[in-house]
Amino acid sequence: MLSTLWSLASPIFSVPDENAHVIKAVGQLRGELVGHFEPDARHPVFNLPAGWSVSPQIQCFVYHPEVPASCGVEIGDPDGATSPSSWVARYNPLYYYVIGWPSLFVDGSAGVYILRILSALFGSVFLAWAYQTAVAGARARWMPFAVAFAASPMIIYLLGSVNPNGVEIASAVALWTALPRLLQTFHPARPAVNLPRWYLWVIVTVASAVLANARALGPLWLLVVVLLCFLVGGWSSVRGLFTNRRSYLWLTVIAVTGLFSVLWTLGGGSLSGQAEKADAPLVGASFPTGVVYMLRLTVPFLKQAVGYFGWFDASLPDVAFWPIVAASAILLVLAVTALDRRGVLTLATVSLSAILVPALVQAYGVASTGIIWQGRYGLFLYLGVAVVAGWLLSGPAGDRLAFLAPRVTWIGAALILLYGAVAFALVLRRYVTGSEALPSAMWSDPQWQPPLGWPALCLLFGVVSVGFVLWVGLLGQSVARQEQSVVRDERAALAGSKKH
């Protein structure tokens, strides 16, 4: 519901690269898998029906935050091009088949909204799986709060758009929660897990396949997430997984889907080629130079990941970041305070990986592409830090802070959704009146209106946000009550073993 409201509130093609993804989806569903080249065209083009014609005027407000979205025209404008180009033409086709089929029946702006909503539903399946597996264990008191970060505005904003980046993040979150839970079923102590192993394998396999095929570097991101989850799960569980013969059927499916992604990328050439020096910073630079440059941008990348909407033309003021900063600080400070040495080292490794892996990957190709990394590309890793912090806190090492879990869950969820509501209103204002108009102009002189109108969307977003906070808070209380009996039984068993 939150993602759908974002999909309605965002003007057509106001989401990064959405125009290119829509062109590919519509063209691909009509038989042009990767488009075709025409004379003087830098990127492949697709032949589209007249109802899907694309005019540059649609994006007249892009890069001009003071310009409202009212200057644009509709999809299917008579002056639009029916053979537009797309720089994502050679991307992996699977995402576009999943969300693109309604374009065969509905065109124009309505068709884009339908594709957005379908993408939101697709990604929300993985977030539902993330919550289901997060609370499926006997110890899960901090997981409702940790996974609530998946409802932060940038994630649900991307989910409610035609862009595989959103589904990539959602599938990664599902993998971050489901794989450690699956590993628990292979642990010699056999901790209680409320979901059957085959079902956990289904989630892990589907999430892995989608993550591997969402974008060109998907197989690498899958490998990174899996290795970090193995670190969290521990050697005994990992060994148990690989010594179980039934595991190899699922592992084979994951390997085949990953191999398909690799072969498609290598054969289709969807990795970036040689760029011009004017295209991006540091084209032609060395690997060390790229690493240092990326590390210096760590804080800007974090800000981009949570508060830079549109084509970086709808960024939030610094003061608006405080709720999400406070929620993140609460979780991480509690984790560092409560965890033992192994837990702190594990969390530190995941956190450093979220910073170093993008730096190393981008620096590897900096000579040919320049610095093209954006903060949203690292969201799947940043969310992994939150999930791992909640996972470790929910273990025995976090027992001394167990009494705080229900209260902090309420506070953390409220902070995350407060930030989401503020972001929703501010981004809407940017498109309704332009960023330089007075806030009162939204009432007195709105220049652009989304479907249903901006007041109705803001009201609905507030209602849904409150409902989400209530759901997360009550879920946290329920999980905490269930865990109290488990902790008592563990302590009683430990006391009995000491007596013997």
Protein backbone atom coordinates (compact mmCIF):
# COMPACT_ATOMS: atom_id res chain seq x y z
CA MET A 1 0.00 0.00 0.00
CA LEU A 2 2.81 2.41 0.82
CA SER A 3 4.57 1.62 -2.46
CA THR A 4 1.36 2.04 -4.44
CA LEU A 5 0.83 5.49 -2.92
CA TRP A 6 4.37 6.44 -3.96
CA SER A 7 3.66 5.14 -7.46
CA LEU A 8 0.67 7.48 -7.72
CA ALA A 9 2.47 10.46 -6.16
CA SER A 10 5.47 10.33 -8.53
CA PRO A 11 5.00 12.04 -11.92
CA ILE A 12 5.57 9.86 -14.96
CA PHE A 13 9.31 9.30 -15.55
CA SER A 14 10.26 11.28 -12.43
CA VAL A 15 11.98 8.17 -11.02
CA PRO A 16 15.62 7.65 -12.11
CA ASP A 17 15.91 5.79 -15.42
CA GLU A 18 12.19 4.95 -15.43
CA ASN A 19 11.76 6.21 -18.99
CA ALA A 20 14.40 3.76 -20.24
CA HIS A 21 12.91 0.86 -18.26
CA VAL A 22 9.37 1.54 -19.49
CA ILE A 23 10.54 1.71 -23.11
CA LYS A 24 12.32 -1.63 -22.73
CA ALA A 25 9.37 -3.29 -20.97
CA VAL A 26 6.87 -2.16 -23.61
CA GLY A 27 9.16 -2.99 -26.53
CA GLN A 28 10.27 -6.32 -25.10
CA LEU A 29 6.69 -7.53 -24.62
CA ARG A 30 6.19 -6.83 -28.31
CA GLY A 31 9.01 -9.09 -29.41
CA GLU A 32 12.06 -6.81 -29.42
CA LEU A 33 14.15 -8.42 -26.71
CA VAL A 34 17.05 -5.96 -26.87
CA GLY A 35 15.83 -3.41 -29.40
CA HIS A 36 17.71 -2.54 -32.56
CA PHE A 37 20.17 0.11 -33.68
CA GLU A 38 19.34 2.90 -36.09
CA PRO A 39 21.77 5.31 -37.78
CA ASP A 40 23.26 7.89 -35.39
CA ALA A 41 21.59 6.23 -32.39
CA ARG A 42 23.84 5.90 -29.33
CA HIS A 43 21.56 3.30 -27.70
CA PRO A 44 19.22 0.62 -29.11
CA VAL A 45 15.71 1.76 -30.02
CA PHE A 46 12.34 0.03 -29.76
CA ASN A 47 9.35 0.32 -32.06
CA LEU A 48 6.35 1.21 -29.88
CA PRO A 49 2.64 1.68 -30.66
CA ALA A 50 1.36 5.25 -30.96
CA GLY A 51 -0.26 4.96 -27.54
CA TRP A 52 3.19 4.55 -26.02
CA SER A 53 4.95 7.37 -27.88
CA VAL A 54 7.49 9.23 -25.75
CA SER A 55 8.17 12.95 -25.91
CA PRO A 56 11.16 14.63 -24.22
CA GLN A 57 8.67 17.18 -22.89
CA ILE A 58 7.42 14.54 -20.43
CA GLN A 59 10.57 15.18 -18.37
CA CYS A 60 10.64 18.96 -18.68
CA PHE A 61 10.89 19.28 -14.89
CA VAL A 62 13.81 16.87 -14.44
CA TYR A 63 16.96 18.54 -13.01
CA HIS A 64 14.90 21.70 -12.39
CA PRO A 65 13.59 21.43 -8.82
CA GLU A 66 11.89 24.81 -9.07
CA VAL A 67 9.74 23.61 -11.99
CA PRO A 68 6.51 21.72 -11.11
CA ALA A 69 5.50 18.63 -13.03
CA SER A 70 2.66 20.47 -14.78
CA CYS A 71 4.94 21.40 -17.72
CA GLY A 72 4.99 17.80 -18.93
CA VAL A 73 2.85 16.01 -21.51
CA GLU A 74 1.23 12.59 -21.42
CA ILE A 75 2.56 9.29 -22.71
CA GLY A 76 1.14 8.84 -26.19
CA ASP A 77 1.41 12.53 -27.10
CA PRO A 78 1.05 13.00 -30.90
CA ASP A 79 4.43 14.76 -31.01
CA GLY A 80 6.17 11.91 -29.19
CA ALA A 81 8.58 9.42 -30.74
CA THR A 82 7.37 5.89 -31.47
CA SER A 83 10.96 4.65 -31.83
CA PRO A 84 12.63 5.91 -28.62
CA SER A 85 16.00 4.66 -27.43
CA SER A 86 16.77 2.96 -24.13
CA TRP A 87 20.16 2.62 -22.44
CA VAL A 88 18.88 -0.43 -20.53
CA ALA A 89 17.90 -2.28 -23.72
CA ARG A 90 20.35 -5.11 -23.06
CA TYR A 91 19.46 -5.59 -19.39
CA ASN A 92 18.34 -9.01 -18.16
CA PRO A 93 14.80 -9.49 -19.52
CA LEU A 94 13.17 -11.39 -16.62
CA TYR A 95 11.99 -8.39 -14.57
CA TYR A 96 10.41 -6.80 -17.63
CA TYR A 97 8.43 -9.94 -18.47
CA VAL A 98 7.06 -10.07 -14.90
CA ILE A 99 5.84 -6.48 -14.76
CA GLY A 100 5.52 -5.51 -18.44
CA TRP A 101 2.65 -7.67 -19.69
CA PRO A 102 -0.15 -5.16 -18.79
CA SER A 103 1.35 -2.84 -21.42
CA LEU A 104 -0.19 -5.15 -24.03
CA PHE A 105 -3.65 -4.08 -22.89
CA VAL A 106 -3.31 -0.57 -21.42
CA ASP A 107 -1.21 2.27 -22.81
CA GLY A 108 -0.48 5.88 -21.95
CA SER A 109 0.09 7.21 -18.45
CA ALA A 110 -2.48 4.77 -17.05
CA GLY A 111 -0.31 1.95 -18.37
CA VAL A 112 2.75 3.31 -16.56
CA TYR A 113 0.83 3.50 -13.27
CA ILE A 114 -0.32 -0.10 -13.71
CA LEU A 115 3.25 -1.27 -14.38
CA ARG A 116 4.38 0.61 -11.27
CA ILE A 117 1.73 -0.99 -9.09
CA LEU A 118 2.54 -4.45 -10.42
CA SER A 119 6.21 -3.85 -9.63
CA ALA A 120 5.20 -2.77 -6.11
CA LEU A 121 3.17 -5.96 -5.62
CA PHE A 122 6.05 -8.09 -6.93
CA GLY A 123 8.55 -6.51 -4.56
CA SER A 124 6.13 -6.61 -1.63
CA VAL A 125 6.01 -10.40 -1.84
CA PHE A 126 9.69 -10.46 -0.85
CA LEU A 127 9.18 -7.97 1.99
CA ALA A 128 6.31 -10.15 3.25
CA TRP A 129 8.64 -13.15 3.14
CA ALA A 130 11.25 -11.11 5.00
CA TYR A 131 8.86 -10.45 7.87
CA GLN A 132 7.54 -14.01 7.87
CA THR A 133 10.99 -15.53 8.20
CA ALA A 134 12.26 -12.80 10.53
CA VAL A 135 9.75 -13.75 13.25
CA ALA A 136 9.69 -17.49 12.52
CA GLY A 137 12.25 -18.40 15.19
CA ALA A 138 11.99 -18.81 18.92
CA ARG A 139 14.25 -15.78 19.34
CA ALA A 140 13.16 -12.82 17.22
CA ARG A 141 12.40 -9.97 19.63
CA TRP A 142 14.35 -7.30 17.70
CA MET A 143 13.51 -8.47 14.18
CA PRO A 144 10.23 -6.53 13.69
CA PHE A 145 12.14 -3.30 14.32
CA ALA A 146 15.11 -4.32 12.16
CA VAL A 147 13.03 -5.31 9.14
CA ALA A 148 10.90 -2.15 9.48
CA PHE A 149 13.79 -0.30 7.81
CA ALA A 150 12.61 -1.96 4.59
CA ALA A 151 9.62 0.40 4.76
CA SER A 152 11.85 3.48 4.69
CA PRO A 153 10.78 5.84 1.90
CA MET A 154 13.53 5.31 -0.68
CA ILE A 155 12.88 1.55 -0.79
CA ILE A 156 9.12 1.75 -1.17
CA TYR A 157 9.56 4.69 -3.58
CA LEU A 158 11.73 2.52 -5.84
CA LEU A 159 9.37 -0.43 -5.41
CA GLY A 160 6.52 1.74 -6.67
CA SER A 161 8.32 2.53 -9.92
CA VAL A 162 9.30 0.76 -13.13
CA ASN A 163 12.88 0.07 -12.12
CA PRO A 164 14.45 -3.31 -11.16
CA ASN A 165 16.45 -1.58 -8.42
CA GLY A 166 13.42 -1.78 -6.09
CA VAL A 167 12.86 -5.50 -6.61
CA GLU A 168 16.60 -6.08 -6.26
CA ILE A 169 16.52 -4.50 -2.79
CA ALA A 170 13.37 -6.35 -1.72
CA SER A 171 14.71 -9.76 -2.80
CA ALA A 172 17.97 -9.05 -0.94
CA VAL A 173 16.04 -8.25 2.27
CA ALA A 174 14.18 -11.55 1.96
CA LEU A 175 17.51 -13.35 1.55
CA TRP A 176 19.07 -11.52 4.52
CA THR A 177 16.30 -12.87 6.78
CA ALA A 178 15.49 -16.26 5.23
CA LEU A 179 19.00 -17.66 4.76
CA PRO A 180 20.11 -17.30 8.42
CA ARG A 181 16.75 -18.82 9.45
CA LEU A 182 17.33 -21.71 7.04
CA LEU A 183 20.83 -22.21 8.45
CA GLN A 184 19.31 -22.54 11.91
CA THR A 185 17.53 -25.71 10.78
CA PHE A 186 20.94 -27.26 10.08
CA HIS A 187 22.48 -26.26 13.43
CA PRO A 188 23.35 -29.22 15.71
CA ALA A 189 21.33 -27.65 18.55
CA ARG A 190 18.31 -27.34 16.22
CA PRO A 191 16.79 -24.04 17.46
CA ALA A 192 13.01 -23.90 17.12
CA VAL A 193 11.94 -22.59 13.69
CA ASN A 194 8.23 -22.23 12.94
CA LEU A 195 8.51 -22.74 9.19
CA PRO A 196 9.36 -26.03 7.41
CA ARG A 197 12.77 -26.29 5.87
CA TRP A 198 11.43 -26.83 2.33
CA TYR A 199 9.47 -23.58 2.57
CA LEU A 200 12.57 -21.68 3.69
CA TRP A 201 14.42 -23.20 0.75
CA VAL A 202 11.70 -21.93 -1.60
CA ILE A 203 12.10 -18.38 -0.27
CA VAL A 204 15.90 -18.52 -0.40
CA THR A 205 15.87 -19.95 -3.93
CA VAL A 206 13.35 -17.49 -5.38
CA ALA A 207 14.98 -14.52 -3.64
CA SER A 208 18.41 -15.62 -4.86
CA ALA A 209 17.18 -16.05 -8.43
CA VAL A 210 15.55 -12.61 -8.49
CA LEU A 211 18.54 -10.90 -6.87
CA ALA A 212 20.92 -12.55 -9.34
CA ASN A 213 18.83 -11.51 -12.35
CA ALA A 214 17.57 -8.08 -11.31
CA ARG A 215 20.61 -6.22 -12.64
CA ALA A 216 23.96 -6.91 -14.28
CA LEU A 217 25.95 -7.25 -11.04
CA GLY A 218 23.26 -9.41 -9.42
CA PRO A 219 25.38 -12.61 -9.25
CA LEU A 220 28.11 -10.70 -7.41
CA TRP A 221 25.61 -9.17 -4.98
CA LEU A 222 24.13 -12.62 -4.38
CA LEU A 223 27.56 -14.02 -3.55
CA VAL A 224 28.27 -11.16 -1.13
CA VAL A 225 24.95 -11.54 0.71
CA VAL A 226 25.27 -15.32 0.93
CA LEU A 227 28.82 -15.18 2.32
CA LEU A 228 27.84 -12.61 4.94
CA CYS A 229 24.80 -14.69 5.92
CA PHE A 230 27.11 -17.70 6.29
CA LEU A 231 29.22 -15.61 8.65
CA VAL A 232 26.14 -14.79 10.70
CA GLY A 233 24.90 -18.38 10.72
CA GLY A 234 28.20 -19.90 11.84
CA TRP A 235 30.34 -22.75 10.61
CA SER A 236 28.29 -25.57 12.18
CA SER A 237 25.12 -24.52 10.35
CA VAL A 238 26.93 -23.97 7.04
CA ARG A 239 28.58 -27.38 7.28
CA GLY A 240 25.22 -28.96 8.06
CA LEU A 241 23.69 -27.36 4.97
CA PHE A 242 26.42 -28.61 2.64
CA THR A 243 26.48 -32.13 4.10
CA ASN A 244 22.76 -32.59 3.55
CA ARG A 245 22.14 -34.20 0.15
CA ARG A 246 18.73 -32.57 -0.30
CA SER A 247 20.33 -29.15 -0.24
CA TYR A 248 21.97 -29.69 -3.60
CA LEU A 249 18.72 -29.69 -5.56
CA TRP A 250 17.99 -26.16 -4.33
CA LEU A 251 21.61 -25.09 -4.71
CA THR A 252 21.58 -26.33 -8.31
CA VAL A 253 18.51 -24.21 -9.12
CA ILE A 254 20.21 -21.16 -7.60
CA ALA A 255 23.41 -21.89 -9.53
CA VAL A 256 21.53 -22.28 -12.84
CA THR A 257 19.66 -18.99 -12.41
CA GLY A 258 22.89 -17.26 -11.46
CA LEU A 259 24.66 -18.78 -14.48
CA PHE A 260 21.88 -17.52 -16.74
CA SER A 261 22.42 -14.01 -15.41
CA VAL A 262 26.18 -14.22 -15.96
CA LEU A 263 25.80 -15.55 -19.50
CA TRP A 264 23.19 -12.96 -20.37
CA THR A 265 25.38 -10.14 -19.11
CA LEU A 266 28.48 -11.40 -20.89
CA GLY A 267 26.60 -12.16 -24.10
CA GLY A 268 24.29 -9.17 -24.09
CA GLY A 269 26.88 -6.60 -23.14
CA SER A 270 24.75 -4.95 -20.45
CA LEU A 271 27.79 -3.99 -18.41
CA SER A 272 28.81 -0.40 -19.04
CA GLY A 273 31.29 0.17 -21.84
CA GLN A 274 33.90 2.85 -22.31
CA ALA A 275 32.58 6.25 -21.27
CA GLU A 276 33.62 9.70 -22.40
CA LYS A 277 35.39 11.92 -19.87
CA ALA A 278 32.36 14.22 -19.84
CA ASP A 279 30.04 11.36 -18.86
CA ALA A 280 31.25 10.79 -15.28
CA PRO A 281 34.08 11.74 -12.90
CA LEU A 282 37.41 9.88 -13.01
CA VAL A 283 37.07 8.20 -16.42
CA GLY A 284 40.50 6.69 -17.05
CA ALA A 285 41.54 6.83 -13.37
CA SER A 286 43.43 4.07 -11.55
CA PHE A 287 41.99 1.50 -9.12
CA PRO A 288 43.50 3.12 -5.95
CA THR A 289 42.23 6.52 -7.01
CA GLY A 290 38.75 5.07 -7.48
CA VAL A 291 38.77 3.40 -4.03
CA VAL A 292 39.84 6.59 -2.23
CA TYR A 293 37.28 8.66 -4.14
CA MET A 294 34.48 6.22 -3.27
CA LEU A 295 35.41 6.05 0.41
CA ARG A 296 35.38 9.85 0.66
CA LEU A 297 31.80 9.78 -0.64
CA THR A 298 30.54 7.35 2.00
CA VAL A 299 28.39 9.91 3.85
CA PRO A 300 26.96 11.45 0.63
CA PHE A 301 26.10 7.95 -0.58
CA LEU A 302 24.26 7.24 2.68
CA LYS A 303 22.29 10.46 2.27
CA GLN A 304 21.49 9.58 -1.33
CA ALA A 305 20.27 6.16 -0.23
CA VAL A 306 17.64 7.56 2.11
CA GLY A 307 16.73 11.05 0.95
CA TYR A 308 17.58 11.88 -2.68
CA PHE A 309 14.45 11.33 -4.74
CA GLY A 310 13.80 11.92 -8.42
CA TRP A 311 16.83 12.51 -10.61
CA PHE A 312 18.59 14.02 -7.57
CA ASP A 313 16.28 17.00 -8.05
CA ALA A 314 13.99 16.19 -5.11
CA SER A 315 16.45 15.89 -2.24
CA LEU A 316 15.34 16.43 1.35
CA PRO A 317 16.74 19.10 3.69
CA ASP A 318 19.25 17.86 6.26
CA VAL A 319 16.87 18.41 9.18
CA ALA A 320 14.40 15.93 7.65
CA PHE A 321 16.93 13.09 8.03
CA TRP A 322 16.92 13.11 11.82
CA PRO A 323 14.13 10.52 12.38
CA ILE A 324 15.82 7.86 10.21
CA VAL A 325 19.24 8.72 11.68
CA ALA A 326 17.81 8.36 15.20
CA ALA A 327 16.20 4.99 14.40
CA SER A 328 19.45 3.67 12.88
CA ALA A 329 21.53 4.95 15.80
CA ILE A 330 19.22 3.31 18.36
CA LEU A 331 19.53 -0.11 16.74
CA LEU A 332 23.29 0.03 16.17
CA VAL A 333 24.15 1.48 19.60
CA LEU A 334 22.06 -1.17 21.35
CA ALA A 335 23.74 -3.88 19.28
CA VAL A 336 27.27 -2.71 20.03
CA THR A 337 26.38 -2.32 23.72
CA ALA A 338 24.81 -5.74 24.19
CA LEU A 339 26.71 -8.10 21.89
CA ASP A 340 29.71 -10.22 22.82
CA ARG A 341 33.02 -10.02 20.96
CA ARG A 342 31.98 -12.39 18.16
CA GLY A 343 28.72 -10.53 17.65
CA VAL A 344 30.44 -7.15 17.47
CA LEU A 345 33.02 -8.50 15.00
CA THR A 346 30.26 -10.01 12.85
CA LEU A 347 28.28 -6.77 12.79
CA ALA A 348 31.46 -4.79 12.08
CA THR A 349 32.30 -7.09 9.16
CA VAL A 350 28.85 -6.66 7.61
CA SER A 351 28.99 -2.88 8.15
CA LEU A 352 32.45 -2.55 6.61
CA SER A 353 31.36 -4.72 3.68
CA ALA A 354 28.48 -2.31 3.03
CA ILE A 355 31.09 0.44 2.59
CA LEU A 356 34.03 -1.40 1.06
CA VAL A 357 32.31 -3.69 -1.45
CA PRO A 358 30.78 -0.82 -3.48
CA ALA A 359 34.09 1.04 -3.34
CA LEU A 360 36.05 -1.94 -4.64
CA VAL A 361 33.52 -2.86 -7.32
CA GLN A 362 33.23 0.69 -8.63
CA ALA A 363 37.00 1.24 -8.50
CA TYR A 364 37.56 -1.95 -10.52
CA GLY A 365 35.71 -0.45 -13.49
CA VAL A 366 36.48 3.22 -12.89
CA ALA A 367 38.89 3.48 -15.83
CA SER A 368 36.13 2.64 -18.34
CA THR A 369 32.96 3.94 -16.62
CA GLY A 370 34.13 6.66 -14.25
CA ILE A 371 32.28 7.02 -10.94
CA ILE A 372 28.67 6.09 -11.74
CA TRP A 373 27.73 4.68 -8.32
CA GLN A 374 24.67 6.08 -6.57
CA GLY A 375 23.67 5.62 -2.96
CA ARG A 376 20.51 3.67 -3.82
CA TYR A 377 22.66 0.93 -5.36
CA GLY A 378 23.97 0.08 -1.89
CA LEU A 379 20.60 -0.11 -0.14
CA PHE A 380 20.59 -3.91 -0.25
CA LEU A 381 23.78 -3.86 1.84
CA TYR A 382 22.71 -1.09 4.21
CA LEU A 383 19.51 -2.97 5.01
CA GLY A 384 21.61 -6.07 5.63
CA VAL A 385 23.38 -4.21 8.44
CA ALA A 386 20.03 -3.48 10.12
CA VAL A 387 18.81 -7.07 9.72
CA VAL A 388 22.05 -8.55 11.07
CA ALA A 389 22.00 -6.14 14.03
CA GLY A 390 18.45 -7.23 14.88
CA TRP A 391 19.35 -10.89 14.38
CA LEU A 392 22.35 -10.76 16.72
CA LEU A 393 20.47 -8.73 19.33
CA SER A 394 17.73 -11.37 19.31
CA GLY A 395 20.24 -14.04 20.33
CA PRO A 396 21.36 -14.94 23.86
CA ALA A 397 23.93 -12.12 23.86
CA GLY A 398 21.11 -9.61 23.82
CA ASP A 399 19.14 -11.07 26.73
CA ARG A 400 20.11 -8.30 29.12
CA LEU A 401 18.37 -5.76 26.89
CA ALA A 402 15.37 -7.97 26.14
CA PHE A 403 13.05 -5.82 28.26
CA LEU A 404 13.68 -2.89 25.89
CA ALA A 405 12.69 -4.68 22.69
CA PRO A 406 8.90 -4.05 22.67
CA ARG A 407 9.28 -0.38 23.65
CA VAL A 408 12.10 0.32 21.23
CA THR A 409 10.22 -1.42 18.43
CA TRP A 410 7.32 1.01 18.85
CA ILE A 411 9.69 3.98 18.91
CA GLY A 412 11.83 2.79 16.00
CA ALA A 413 8.89 1.96 13.73
CA ALA A 414 7.31 5.34 14.50
CA LEU A 415 10.57 7.16 13.63
CA ILE A 416 10.95 5.28 10.35
CA LEU A 417 7.37 5.94 9.23
CA LEU A 418 7.51 9.55 10.46
CA TYR A 419 10.47 10.05 8.18
CA GLY A 420 8.56 8.34 5.39
CA ALA A 421 5.56 10.65 5.81
CA VAL A 422 7.77 13.75 5.84
CA ALA A 423 9.59 12.57 2.72
CA PHE A 424 6.29 11.82 0.98
CA ALA A 425 4.92 15.32 1.68
CA LEU A 426 8.13 17.14 0.73
CA VAL A 427 8.60 15.24 -2.52
CA LEU A 428 4.97 15.84 -3.44
CA ARG A 429 5.45 19.55 -2.78
CA ARG A 430 8.43 19.62 -5.15
CA TYR A 431 6.24 18.33 -8.00
CA VAL A 432 2.99 20.12 -7.13
CA THR A 433 4.42 23.65 -6.86
CA GLY A 434 8.18 23.44 -7.34
CA SER A 435 10.67 23.62 -4.51
CA GLU A 436 10.92 27.42 -4.39
CA ALA A 437 7.21 28.12 -3.84
CA LEU A 438 5.85 28.68 -0.33
CA PRO A 439 4.30 25.58 1.29
CA SER A 440 0.94 27.37 1.35
CA ALA A 441 0.96 27.36 -2.46
CA MET A 442 0.09 23.66 -2.38
CA TRP A 443 -3.36 24.77 -1.19
CA SER A 444 -3.71 28.13 -2.89
CA ASP A 445 -2.05 27.52 -6.25
CA PRO A 446 -1.22 23.84 -7.01
CA GLN A 447 0.33 23.57 -10.46
CA TRP A 448 0.20 19.78 -10.78
CA GLN A 449 -2.03 17.12 -9.26
CA PRO A 450 -1.35 13.37 -9.05
CA PRO A 451 -4.15 10.83 -9.43
CA LEU A 452 -6.68 11.31 -6.57
CA GLY A 453 -5.08 14.69 -5.76
CA TRP A 454 -2.23 15.40 -3.37
CA PRO A 455 -4.41 15.97 -0.23
CA ALA A 456 -6.05 12.55 -0.60
CA LEU A 457 -2.70 10.83 -1.19
CA CYS A 458 -1.14 12.50 1.87
CA LEU A 459 -4.12 11.50 4.01
CA LEU A 460 -4.00 7.91 2.79
CA PHE A 461 -0.25 7.75 3.30
CA GLY A 462 -0.66 8.96 6.87
CA VAL A 463 -3.37 6.40 7.60
CA VAL A 464 -1.39 3.53 6.10
CA SER A 465 1.76 4.65 7.94
CA VAL A 466 -0.07 4.64 11.28
CA GLY A 467 -1.42 1.19 10.46
CA PHE A 468 2.07 -0.06 9.67
CA VAL A 469 3.45 1.29 12.96
CA LEU A 470 0.62 -0.39 14.88
CA TRP A 471 1.25 -3.66 13.08
CA VAL A 472 5.01 -3.62 13.72
CA GLY A 473 4.56 -2.57 17.36
CA LEU A 474 1.99 -5.26 18.12
CA LEU A 475 4.09 -7.84 16.28
CA GLY A 476 7.07 -6.86 18.43
CA GLN A 477 5.02 -7.31 21.60
CA SER A 478 3.74 -10.70 20.45
CA VAL A 479 7.23 -11.96 19.59
CA ALA A 480 8.60 -10.71 22.92
CA ARG A 481 5.89 -12.56 24.89
CA GLN A 482 6.57 -15.79 23.03
CA GLU A 483 10.28 -15.44 23.64
CA GLN A 484 10.00 -14.98 27.39
CA SER A 485 9.01 -18.60 27.86
CA VAL A 486 11.86 -19.77 25.62
CA VAL A 487 14.44 -17.80 27.61
CA ARG A 488 13.06 -19.16 30.89
CA ASP A 489 13.32 -22.73 29.59
CA GLU A 490 16.88 -22.14 28.40
CA ARG A 491 17.94 -20.74 31.76
CA ALA A 492 16.27 -23.61 33.60
CA ALA A 493 18.03 -26.15 31.38
CA LEU A 494 21.38 -24.39 31.95
CA ALA A 495 20.86 -24.36 35.70
CA GLY A 496 20.00 -28.06 35.66
CA SER A 497 23.11 -28.95 33.67
CA LYS A 498 25.29 -27.03 36.13
CA LYS A 499 23.84 -29.00 39.05
CA HIS A 500 24.62 -32.28 37.30
